[in-house]
Amino acid sequence: MVGPVAAHSEDLDVIRAATAIFKDVNIALAEGFIRDPSGLCVSAATEGLPAEWGAMGLHYISPGLFTKFQRHTFGQHVESRLG
């Protein structure tokens, strides 16, 4: 593969490798992840799409990483508006 498709594929490979350990929810919980407080299972049907498209399932978040991401993203947003 070449071009954007290859880069996209490589990015996915990196993400898959970095998150593979969390396929075991007990490891995620031990690492400080918590179940999404909404408790919703996101599915195609609940989003008004054909049910045969399937579902993403339940989500877990890491409050520390989430907060860090929010600060980073917000900081960039403010900088882009001021710059």
N, C-alpha and C. Protein backbone atom coordinates (compact mmCIF):
# COMPACT_ATOMS: atom_id res chain seq x y z
N MET A 1 0.83 -1.19 0.00
CA MET A 1 0.00 0.00 0.00
C MET A 1 0.87 1.25 0.00
N VAL A 2 0.35 2.28 -0.62
CA VAL A 2 1.06 3.55 -0.64
C VAL A 2 0.08 4.67 -0.35
N GLY A 3 0.64 5.80 0.01
CA GLY A 3 -0.18 6.99 0.22
C GLY A 3 -1.00 6.94 1.49
N PRO A 4 -2.12 7.69 1.48
CA PRO A 4 -2.96 7.81 2.69
C PRO A 4 -3.49 6.48 3.21
N VAL A 5 -3.78 5.54 2.32
CA VAL A 5 -4.31 4.25 2.77
C VAL A 5 -3.27 3.52 3.60
N ALA A 6 -2.01 3.54 3.14
CA ALA A 6 -0.94 2.87 3.88
C ALA A 6 -0.73 3.53 5.23
N ALA A 7 -0.72 4.85 5.26
CA ALA A 7 -0.55 5.57 6.53
C ALA A 7 -1.68 5.25 7.48
N HIS A 8 -2.89 5.21 6.96
CA HIS A 8 -4.06 4.91 7.79
C HIS A 8 -3.93 3.50 8.36
N SER A 9 -3.54 2.56 7.53
CA SER A 9 -3.39 1.18 7.96
C SER A 9 -2.31 1.06 9.03
N GLU A 10 -1.20 1.75 8.86
CA GLU A 10 -0.13 1.72 9.86
C GLU A 10 -0.61 2.32 11.18
N ASP A 11 -1.37 3.41 11.11
CA ASP A 11 -1.90 4.02 12.33
C ASP A 11 -2.81 3.04 13.06
N LEU A 12 -3.65 2.34 12.32
CA LEU A 12 -4.54 1.36 12.94
C LEU A 12 -3.75 0.23 13.58
N ASP A 13 -2.68 -0.20 12.94
CA ASP A 13 -1.84 -1.26 13.51
C ASP A 13 -1.24 -0.82 14.83
N VAL A 14 -0.79 0.43 14.91
CA VAL A 14 -0.21 0.96 16.15
C VAL A 14 -1.27 1.01 17.25
N ILE A 15 -2.44 1.48 16.91
CA ILE A 15 -3.54 1.58 17.89
C ILE A 15 -3.95 0.19 18.37
N ARG A 16 -4.08 -0.73 17.45
CA ARG A 16 -4.47 -2.09 17.83
C ARG A 16 -3.44 -2.72 18.77
N ALA A 17 -2.17 -2.52 18.46
CA ALA A 17 -1.11 -3.09 19.31
C ALA A 17 -1.12 -2.46 20.70
N ALA A 18 -1.35 -1.15 20.76
CA ALA A 18 -1.33 -0.44 22.04
C ALA A 18 -2.53 -0.78 22.92
N THR A 19 -3.63 -1.16 22.31
CA THR A 19 -4.85 -1.41 23.08
C THR A 19 -5.21 -2.89 23.22
N ALA A 20 -4.44 -3.77 22.62
CA ALA A 20 -4.75 -5.20 22.64
C ALA A 20 -4.90 -5.74 24.05
N ILE A 21 -4.09 -5.27 24.97
CA ILE A 21 -4.14 -5.75 26.36
C ILE A 21 -5.51 -5.50 26.99
N PHE A 22 -6.21 -4.49 26.53
CA PHE A 22 -7.47 -4.12 27.15
C PHE A 22 -8.67 -4.92 26.64
N LYS A 23 -8.41 -5.93 25.81
CA LYS A 23 -9.51 -6.82 25.41
C LYS A 23 -10.03 -7.57 26.63
N ASP A 24 -9.20 -7.69 27.64
CA ASP A 24 -9.62 -8.27 28.93
C ASP A 24 -10.05 -7.11 29.81
N VAL A 25 -11.35 -6.97 30.02
CA VAL A 25 -11.88 -5.84 30.77
C VAL A 25 -11.30 -5.76 32.18
N ASN A 26 -10.93 -6.90 32.75
CA ASN A 26 -10.36 -6.88 34.10
C ASN A 26 -9.02 -6.15 34.14
N ILE A 27 -8.27 -6.25 33.06
CA ILE A 27 -7.00 -5.51 32.98
C ILE A 27 -7.29 -4.02 32.88
N ALA A 28 -8.26 -3.65 32.08
CA ALA A 28 -8.63 -2.24 31.96
C ALA A 28 -9.07 -1.68 33.31
N LEU A 29 -9.88 -2.43 34.04
CA LEU A 29 -10.33 -1.98 35.36
C LEU A 29 -9.15 -1.84 36.32
N ALA A 30 -8.21 -2.78 36.26
CA ALA A 30 -7.04 -2.72 37.12
C ALA A 30 -6.16 -1.52 36.77
N GLU A 31 -6.22 -1.07 35.52
CA GLU A 31 -5.43 0.09 35.07
C GLU A 31 -6.14 1.42 35.34
N GLY A 32 -7.31 1.37 35.97
CA GLY A 32 -8.00 2.60 36.34
C GLY A 32 -9.12 3.02 35.41
N PHE A 33 -9.43 2.21 34.40
CA PHE A 33 -10.55 2.54 33.52
C PHE A 33 -11.85 2.28 34.26
N ILE A 34 -12.87 3.04 33.92
CA ILE A 34 -14.20 2.85 34.49
C ILE A 34 -15.19 2.73 33.34
N ARG A 35 -16.31 2.08 33.63
CA ARG A 35 -17.34 1.96 32.60
C ARG A 35 -17.96 3.33 32.35
N ASP A 36 -18.22 3.61 31.10
CA ASP A 36 -18.87 4.87 30.72
C ASP A 36 -20.11 5.06 31.59
N PRO A 37 -20.18 6.18 32.31
CA PRO A 37 -21.31 6.40 33.23
C PRO A 37 -22.68 6.37 32.56
N SER A 38 -22.75 6.62 31.25
CA SER A 38 -24.05 6.57 30.58
C SER A 38 -24.58 5.15 30.55
N GLY A 39 -23.68 4.16 30.56
CA GLY A 39 -24.07 2.76 30.58
C GLY A 39 -24.74 2.28 29.30
N LEU A 40 -24.66 3.08 28.25
CA LEU A 40 -25.35 2.73 27.01
C LEU A 40 -24.49 1.83 26.12
N CYS A 41 -25.14 0.92 25.46
CA CYS A 41 -24.51 0.12 24.41
C CYS A 41 -24.86 0.81 23.10
N VAL A 42 -23.89 1.34 22.44
CA VAL A 42 -24.14 2.05 21.20
C VAL A 42 -24.30 1.04 20.08
N SER A 43 -25.45 1.08 19.43
CA SER A 43 -25.71 0.16 18.33
C SER A 43 -26.26 0.94 17.14
N ALA A 44 -26.18 0.32 16.00
CA ALA A 44 -26.73 0.96 14.81
C ALA A 44 -28.22 1.25 15.01
N ALA A 45 -28.93 0.28 15.59
CA ALA A 45 -30.38 0.44 15.78
C ALA A 45 -30.71 1.63 16.68
N THR A 46 -29.94 1.80 17.76
CA THR A 46 -30.23 2.92 18.66
C THR A 46 -29.87 4.27 18.04
N GLU A 47 -29.06 4.21 16.97
CA GLU A 47 -28.68 5.44 16.27
C GLU A 47 -29.53 5.68 15.03
N GLY A 48 -30.60 4.86 14.89
CA GLY A 48 -31.51 5.02 13.76
C GLY A 48 -30.99 4.42 12.45
N LEU A 49 -30.02 3.53 12.55
CA LEU A 49 -29.44 2.89 11.37
C LEU A 49 -29.90 1.44 11.31
N PRO A 50 -29.65 0.76 10.19
CA PRO A 50 -30.07 -0.64 10.09
C PRO A 50 -29.43 -1.51 11.18
N ALA A 51 -30.24 -2.28 11.88
CA ALA A 51 -29.76 -3.10 12.99
C ALA A 51 -28.67 -4.08 12.56
N GLU A 52 -28.72 -4.54 11.31
CA GLU A 52 -27.72 -5.50 10.86
C GLU A 52 -26.31 -4.91 10.77
N TRP A 53 -26.19 -3.60 10.94
CA TRP A 53 -24.87 -2.97 10.96
C TRP A 53 -24.14 -3.26 12.27
N GLY A 54 -24.86 -3.75 13.26
CA GLY A 54 -24.22 -4.18 14.50
C GLY A 54 -24.14 -3.11 15.58
N ALA A 55 -23.19 -3.34 16.50
CA ALA A 55 -23.05 -2.46 17.66
C ALA A 55 -21.59 -2.29 18.02
N MET A 56 -21.30 -1.23 18.75
CA MET A 56 -19.94 -1.01 19.25
C MET A 56 -19.80 -1.58 20.65
N GLY A 57 -20.89 -1.76 21.34
CA GLY A 57 -20.82 -2.31 22.68
C GLY A 57 -20.66 -1.27 23.75
N LEU A 58 -20.16 -1.72 24.88
CA LEU A 58 -19.98 -0.85 26.04
C LEU A 58 -18.62 -0.17 25.98
N HIS A 59 -18.55 1.01 26.55
CA HIS A 59 -17.31 1.77 26.53
C HIS A 59 -16.75 1.95 27.94
N TYR A 60 -15.44 1.97 28.02
CA TYR A 60 -14.73 2.25 29.27
C TYR A 60 -13.82 3.43 29.03
N ILE A 61 -13.67 4.27 30.03
CA ILE A 61 -12.80 5.43 29.90
C ILE A 61 -11.80 5.47 31.06
N SER A 62 -10.72 6.15 30.81
CA SER A 62 -9.73 6.39 31.86
C SER A 62 -9.86 7.87 32.25
N PRO A 63 -10.43 8.16 33.43
CA PRO A 63 -10.64 9.56 33.80
C PRO A 63 -9.37 10.41 33.69
N GLY A 64 -8.24 9.87 34.10
CA GLY A 64 -6.99 10.63 34.02
C GLY A 64 -6.61 10.97 32.60
N LEU A 65 -6.70 10.00 31.71
CA LEU A 65 -6.37 10.25 30.31
C LEU A 65 -7.39 11.16 29.66
N PHE A 66 -8.64 10.99 30.00
CA PHE A 66 -9.70 11.82 29.44
C PHE A 66 -9.50 13.28 29.81
N THR A 67 -9.20 13.54 31.08
CA THR A 67 -8.97 14.91 31.54
C THR A 67 -7.75 15.49 30.86
N LYS A 68 -6.68 14.71 30.75
CA LYS A 68 -5.46 15.18 30.09
C LYS A 68 -5.76 15.53 28.64
N PHE A 69 -6.54 14.69 27.96
CA PHE A 69 -6.90 14.94 26.57
C PHE A 69 -7.73 16.21 26.45
N GLN A 70 -8.69 16.40 27.36
CA GLN A 70 -9.52 17.60 27.32
C GLN A 70 -8.68 18.86 27.47
N ARG A 71 -7.74 18.85 28.42
CA ARG A 71 -6.88 20.03 28.62
C ARG A 71 -6.05 20.29 27.38
N HIS A 72 -5.48 19.24 26.80
CA HIS A 72 -4.65 19.38 25.61
C HIS A 72 -5.47 19.91 24.43
N THR A 73 -6.63 19.31 24.19
CA THR A 73 -7.47 19.71 23.07
C THR A 73 -7.98 21.13 23.27
N PHE A 74 -8.43 21.46 24.48
CA PHE A 74 -8.93 22.80 24.75
C PHE A 74 -7.82 23.82 24.57
N GLY A 75 -6.63 23.50 25.04
CA GLY A 75 -5.49 24.41 24.91
C GLY A 75 -5.17 24.69 23.45
N GLN A 76 -5.21 23.66 22.61
CA GLN A 76 -4.95 23.86 21.19
C GLN A 76 -6.04 24.71 20.57
N HIS A 77 -7.28 24.47 20.97
CA HIS A 77 -8.41 25.21 20.43
C HIS A 77 -8.26 26.70 20.76
N VAL A 78 -7.90 26.99 22.00
CA VAL A 78 -7.73 28.39 22.41
C VAL A 78 -6.58 29.02 21.63
N GLU A 79 -5.45 28.29 21.51
CA GLU A 79 -4.31 28.82 20.78
C GLU A 79 -4.69 29.11 19.32
N SER A 80 -5.45 28.24 18.69
CA SER A 80 -5.81 28.44 17.29
C SER A 80 -6.71 29.67 17.14
N ARG A 81 -7.52 29.95 18.13
CA ARG A 81 -8.38 31.11 18.05
C ARG A 81 -7.63 32.42 18.35
N LEU A 82 -6.59 32.30 19.17
CA LEU A 82 -5.82 33.50 19.51
C LEU A 82 -4.75 33.79 18.46
N GLY A 83 -4.27 32.75 17.81
CA GLY A 83 -3.16 32.90 16.85
C GLY A 83 -3.63 33.50 15.59
